[in-house]
């Protein structure tokens, strides 16, 4: 089975590190980005090398280039990656924006590891 690549996008380095350890223990290749702009650079670079990112797990609230802007760019650039959104701020406006962009996989912080892994496996099956 081919290893799948997951890009974690979150401004909290400890969170990225912890989530990365969990995902690596499940056999995934893990890339990390501190904000949306850095994530887009990684996505573009990997696409050029024919090593596409299979899944992006992104936070919404980040300084500067936030998760909503990242998702919009992923969709506009037609990257074939699946997206899971993590948020501690599930307000109605944010949820409506995500729905309008077609992002239905949302996990609310704090979340259970098994819930996230189930969502990841479901996303990988639909790619």
Protein backbone atom coordinates (compact mmCIF):
# COMPACT_ATOMS: atom_id res chain seq x y z
CA UNK A 1 0.00 0.00 0.00
CA UNK A 2 1.32 3.41 -1.00
CA UNK A 3 2.00 5.82 1.87
CA UNK A 4 -0.32 8.81 1.88
CA UNK A 5 0.89 12.35 2.55
CA UNK A 6 -0.87 14.67 4.98
CA UNK A 7 -0.15 18.38 5.35
CA UNK A 8 -0.94 19.84 8.79
CA UNK A 9 -1.57 23.60 8.76
CA UNK A 10 -1.73 25.24 12.19
CA UNK A 11 0.04 28.20 13.77
CA UNK A 12 0.63 26.31 17.04
CA UNK A 13 3.91 24.38 16.66
CA UNK A 14 3.24 22.08 19.62
CA UNK A 15 -0.10 21.09 18.15
CA UNK A 16 1.46 20.39 14.73
CA UNK A 17 4.18 18.31 16.39
CA UNK A 18 1.73 16.25 18.48
CA UNK A 19 -0.66 15.64 15.61
CA UNK A 20 2.29 14.80 13.37
CA UNK A 21 3.47 12.11 15.80
CA UNK A 22 0.01 10.56 15.86
CA UNK A 23 -0.28 10.55 12.06
CA UNK A 24 3.24 9.14 11.58
CA UNK A 25 2.40 6.32 14.02
CA UNK A 26 -0.49 5.46 11.66
CA UNK A 27 1.89 5.24 8.69
CA UNK A 28 1.35 8.63 7.05
CA UNK A 29 4.00 10.93 5.61
CA UNK A 30 3.54 14.24 7.42
CA UNK A 31 4.34 17.75 6.22
CA UNK A 32 3.78 20.87 8.32
CA UNK A 33 2.95 24.51 7.61
CA UNK A 34 2.58 27.40 10.04
CA UNK A 35 0.03 29.32 7.94
CA UNK A 36 -1.90 29.21 4.68
CA UNK A 37 0.79 30.88 2.58
CA UNK A 38 3.40 28.36 3.61
CA UNK A 39 0.92 25.54 2.95
CA UNK A 40 0.35 26.77 -0.62
CA UNK A 41 4.12 26.81 -1.23
CA UNK A 42 4.35 23.20 -0.04
CA UNK A 43 1.37 22.15 -2.17
CA UNK A 44 2.84 23.82 -5.28
CA UNK A 45 6.29 22.34 -4.68
CA UNK A 46 4.98 18.82 -4.14
CA UNK A 47 2.71 19.03 -7.20
CA UNK A 48 5.70 20.06 -9.34
CA UNK A 49 7.58 16.99 -8.07
CA UNK A 50 4.58 14.70 -8.80
CA UNK A 51 4.36 13.99 -5.08
CA UNK A 52 0.93 15.44 -4.40
CA UNK A 53 -0.42 15.95 -0.90
CA UNK A 54 -3.35 13.59 -0.37
CA UNK A 55 -4.94 15.44 2.54
CA UNK A 56 -4.71 18.88 4.13
CA UNK A 57 -5.74 19.22 7.77
CA UNK A 58 -6.05 22.92 8.46
CA UNK A 59 -6.98 25.17 11.32
CA UNK A 60 -9.22 28.13 10.52
CA UNK A 61 -7.94 30.84 12.85
CA UNK A 62 -4.31 31.66 12.04
CA UNK A 63 -2.55 35.01 11.85
CA UNK A 64 -2.30 36.46 8.35
CA UNK A 65 -3.25 33.84 5.77
CA UNK A 66 -6.02 31.89 7.54
CA UNK A 67 -7.64 28.54 6.82
CA UNK A 68 -10.61 29.90 4.88
CA UNK A 69 -8.27 31.73 2.51
CA UNK A 70 -6.16 28.57 2.16
CA UNK A 71 -9.20 26.46 1.30
CA UNK A 72 -10.37 29.00 -1.28
CA UNK A 73 -6.90 28.92 -2.90
CA UNK A 74 -6.81 25.10 -2.92
CA UNK A 75 -10.18 25.04 -4.68
CA UNK A 76 -9.29 27.86 -7.11
CA UNK A 77 -5.99 26.18 -8.05
CA UNK A 78 -7.78 22.85 -8.49
CA UNK A 79 -5.47 20.84 -6.23
CA UNK A 80 -6.76 17.30 -5.93
CA UNK A 81 -6.18 17.11 -2.18
CA UNK A 82 -8.89 16.29 0.33
CA UNK A 83 -9.47 18.80 3.16
CA UNK A 84 -10.30 18.41 6.83
CA UNK A 85 -10.93 21.56 8.84
CA UNK A 86 -10.09 21.84 12.53
CA UNK A 87 -11.66 24.64 14.48
CA UNK A 88 -12.32 25.78 17.98
CA UNK A 89 -14.52 28.54 16.57
CA UNK A 90 -17.46 26.84 14.93
CA UNK A 91 -19.54 30.00 14.59
CA UNK A 92 -22.42 30.04 12.13
CA UNK A 93 -20.72 32.34 9.60
CA UNK A 94 -17.57 30.19 9.45
CA UNK A 95 -19.58 26.99 9.13
CA UNK A 96 -21.71 28.54 6.36
CA UNK A 97 -18.56 29.66 4.48
CA UNK A 98 -17.11 26.15 4.72
CA UNK A 99 -20.36 24.60 3.50
CA UNK A 100 -20.50 27.00 0.55
CA UNK A 101 -16.95 25.96 -0.43
CA UNK A 102 -17.91 22.29 -0.24
CA UNK A 103 -15.93 21.55 2.93
CA UNK A 104 -18.01 19.12 4.92
CA UNK A 105 -15.29 17.46 6.99
CA UNK A 106 -14.99 19.59 10.12
CA UNK A 107 -13.60 18.47 13.46
CA UNK A 108 -14.01 20.69 16.50
CA UNK A 109 -11.12 21.23 18.91
CA UNK A 110 -10.53 19.55 21.23
CA UNK A 111 -11.24 16.35 19.36
CA UNK A 112 -10.85 12.65 20.01
CA UNK A 113 -8.01 10.95 18.14
CA UNK A 114 -10.25 8.11 16.95
CA UNK A 115 -12.81 10.58 15.54
CA UNK A 116 -10.08 12.33 13.56
CA UNK A 117 -8.62 9.04 12.30
CA UNK A 118 -12.08 7.91 11.15
CA UNK A 119 -12.49 11.19 9.27
CA UNK A 120 -9.02 10.84 7.72
CA UNK A 121 -9.72 7.31 6.51
CA UNK A 122 -13.08 8.38 5.06
CA UNK A 123 -11.38 11.28 3.23
CA UNK A 124 -8.67 8.98 1.85
CA UNK A 125 -11.29 6.55 0.51
CA UNK A 126 -13.05 9.32 -1.42
CA UNK A 127 -9.88 10.63 -3.07
